[in-house]
């Protein structure tokens, strides 16, 4: 049996294009299904958060991305045994066409539009930072 790390470190990409940010909706059957998130995933052993984000964006969206600056780090405990530490990075699509695999929808939204979407608790710190223009 595989034991989950606590906290689980997750790298998320804030992909920007023409003043809009890419968000993706979690598929039915997944934890937090129907909620929106910034694409990314769990950092694996021996992997930096930046390497994780590049890998996850290629796996989830079929894109090659350049990972930029760290925007913020947030942490949320869903249970005492399960805490998510989310590291959000700016990211730019270098090549590839968006092809969603792990989500059921993607949208390009303005930072102020983010307030109208439901995000998992772990992502809310990122949303607040983006809305405030940081």
Protein backbone atom coordinates (compact mmCIF):
# COMPACT_ATOMS: atom_id res chain seq x y z
CA UNK A 1 0.00 0.00 0.00
CA UNK A 2 1.36 3.39 -1.01
CA UNK A 3 1.35 5.97 1.78
CA UNK A 4 0.54 9.54 0.75
CA UNK A 5 3.05 12.18 1.71
CA UNK A 6 1.77 14.84 4.06
CA UNK A 7 1.90 17.54 3.02
CA UNK A 8 1.44 16.56 -0.61
CA UNK A 9 3.36 19.07 -2.74
CA UNK A 10 1.53 20.13 -5.88
CA UNK A 11 2.80 22.41 -8.67
CA UNK A 12 0.20 24.43 -10.58
CA UNK A 13 0.60 26.51 -13.71
CA UNK A 14 -0.91 29.93 -14.19
CA UNK A 15 -0.82 30.00 -17.98
CA UNK A 16 -1.46 33.48 -19.35
CA UNK A 17 -2.32 34.61 -22.86
CA UNK A 18 -3.61 38.01 -23.97
CA UNK A 19 -4.50 39.05 -20.43
CA UNK A 20 -6.43 35.84 -19.74
CA UNK A 21 -5.62 32.85 -17.55
CA UNK A 22 -6.27 29.20 -18.38
CA UNK A 23 -8.43 27.28 -15.90
CA UNK A 24 -9.56 23.68 -16.16
CA UNK A 25 -12.58 21.86 -14.70
CA UNK A 26 -12.02 18.57 -12.88
CA UNK A 27 -13.75 15.54 -14.43
CA UNK A 28 -16.62 13.71 -12.77
CA UNK A 29 -15.40 10.82 -10.67
CA UNK A 30 -12.34 12.73 -9.46
CA UNK A 31 -11.84 14.36 -6.07
CA UNK A 32 -13.31 17.89 -6.21
CA UNK A 33 -15.10 17.01 -9.48
CA UNK A 34 -16.72 19.98 -11.19
CA UNK A 35 -14.44 22.51 -9.54
CA UNK A 36 -12.00 24.62 -11.52
CA UNK A 37 -8.25 24.57 -11.02
CA UNK A 38 -4.95 25.66 -12.45
CA UNK A 39 -3.44 22.71 -14.36
CA UNK A 40 -0.62 20.81 -12.70
CA UNK A 41 -0.03 17.91 -10.39
CA UNK A 42 1.83 16.17 -7.60
CA UNK A 43 5.59 16.50 -7.34
CA UNK A 44 7.18 13.05 -7.54
CA UNK A 45 10.29 11.86 -5.70
CA UNK A 46 13.48 13.31 -7.18
CA UNK A 47 11.58 15.96 -9.14
CA UNK A 48 11.63 19.71 -8.64
CA UNK A 49 8.28 21.54 -8.67
CA UNK A 50 9.26 23.16 -11.97
CA UNK A 51 10.09 19.78 -13.55
CA UNK A 52 6.80 18.42 -12.23
CA UNK A 53 4.83 21.27 -13.75
CA UNK A 54 6.44 20.85 -17.17
CA UNK A 55 5.70 17.11 -17.08
CA UNK A 56 2.13 17.53 -15.87
CA UNK A 57 1.28 20.18 -18.47
CA UNK A 58 2.58 17.90 -21.20
CA UNK A 59 0.62 14.91 -19.82
CA UNK A 60 -2.63 16.80 -19.12
CA UNK A 61 -2.75 19.30 -21.99
CA UNK A 62 -0.28 18.07 -24.67
CA UNK A 63 1.77 21.27 -24.43
CA UNK A 64 5.40 22.11 -23.87
CA UNK A 65 5.57 24.94 -21.37
CA UNK A 66 8.20 27.25 -19.98
CA UNK A 67 7.88 27.59 -16.22
CA UNK A 68 8.46 31.09 -14.90
CA UNK A 69 8.42 32.75 -11.50
CA UNK A 70 6.74 31.38 -8.40
CA UNK A 71 3.59 33.44 -7.78
CA UNK A 72 2.76 32.10 -4.34
CA UNK A 73 2.62 29.09 -2.08
CA UNK A 74 -0.49 28.10 -0.18
CA UNK A 75 -1.40 25.24 2.09
CA UNK A 76 -4.73 23.71 2.99
CA UNK A 77 -5.50 20.76 5.29
CA UNK A 78 -8.44 18.76 3.99
CA UNK A 79 -8.00 16.34 6.91
CA UNK A 80 -5.25 16.00 9.56
CA UNK A 81 -3.71 13.26 7.42
CA UNK A 82 -4.03 15.12 4.12
CA UNK A 83 -2.60 18.56 3.53
CA UNK A 84 -1.90 20.07 0.12
CA UNK A 85 0.98 22.51 -0.31
CA UNK A 86 0.32 24.24 -3.63
CA UNK A 87 3.09 26.08 -5.45
CA UNK A 88 1.73 28.26 -8.26
CA UNK A 89 4.06 29.30 -11.08
CA UNK A 90 3.61 31.51 -14.09
CA UNK A 91 3.86 29.41 -17.24
CA UNK A 92 3.94 30.05 -20.97
CA UNK A 93 3.00 27.68 -23.77
CA UNK A 94 6.07 27.13 -25.95
CA UNK A 95 4.55 24.61 -28.35
CA UNK A 96 1.60 22.29 -28.84
CA UNK A 97 -2.14 22.71 -29.14
CA UNK A 98 -4.25 22.41 -26.02
CA UNK A 99 -5.73 18.91 -25.87
CA UNK A 100 -7.53 18.21 -22.60
CA UNK A 101 -7.15 14.74 -21.09
CA UNK A 102 -7.60 15.04 -17.31
CA UNK A 103 -10.34 17.67 -17.33
CA UNK A 104 -13.72 17.99 -18.98
CA UNK A 105 -13.44 21.67 -19.95
CA UNK A 106 -10.94 24.53 -20.12
CA UNK A 107 -11.56 28.26 -20.30
CA UNK A 108 -9.53 31.41 -20.76
CA UNK A 109 -10.72 33.97 -18.20
CA UNK A 110 -9.64 37.37 -16.95
CA UNK A 111 -8.24 37.58 -13.42
CA UNK A 112 -11.40 39.33 -12.19
CA UNK A 113 -13.55 36.56 -13.74
CA UNK A 114 -11.88 34.03 -11.42
CA UNK A 115 -14.17 35.14 -8.58
CA UNK A 116 -17.13 33.63 -10.43
CA UNK A 117 -15.71 30.08 -10.45
CA UNK A 118 -15.60 27.49 -7.68
CA UNK A 119 -12.05 26.32 -6.90
CA UNK A 120 -10.76 23.72 -4.42
CA UNK A 121 -9.65 25.24 -1.11
CA UNK A 122 -5.97 24.69 -1.95
CA UNK A 123 -6.30 26.93 -5.04
CA UNK A 124 -8.12 29.82 -3.38
CA UNK A 125 -4.93 31.57 -2.23
CA UNK A 126 -3.75 31.67 -5.86
CA UNK A 127 -7.12 33.03 -7.02
CA UNK A 128 -6.97 35.82 -4.44
CA UNK A 129 -3.43 36.78 -5.49
CA UNK A 130 -4.37 36.88 -9.17
CA UNK A 131 -7.54 38.92 -8.57
CA UNK A 132 -5.54 41.43 -6.51
CA UNK A 133 -3.07 41.79 -9.39
CA UNK A 134 -0.02 40.43 -7.60
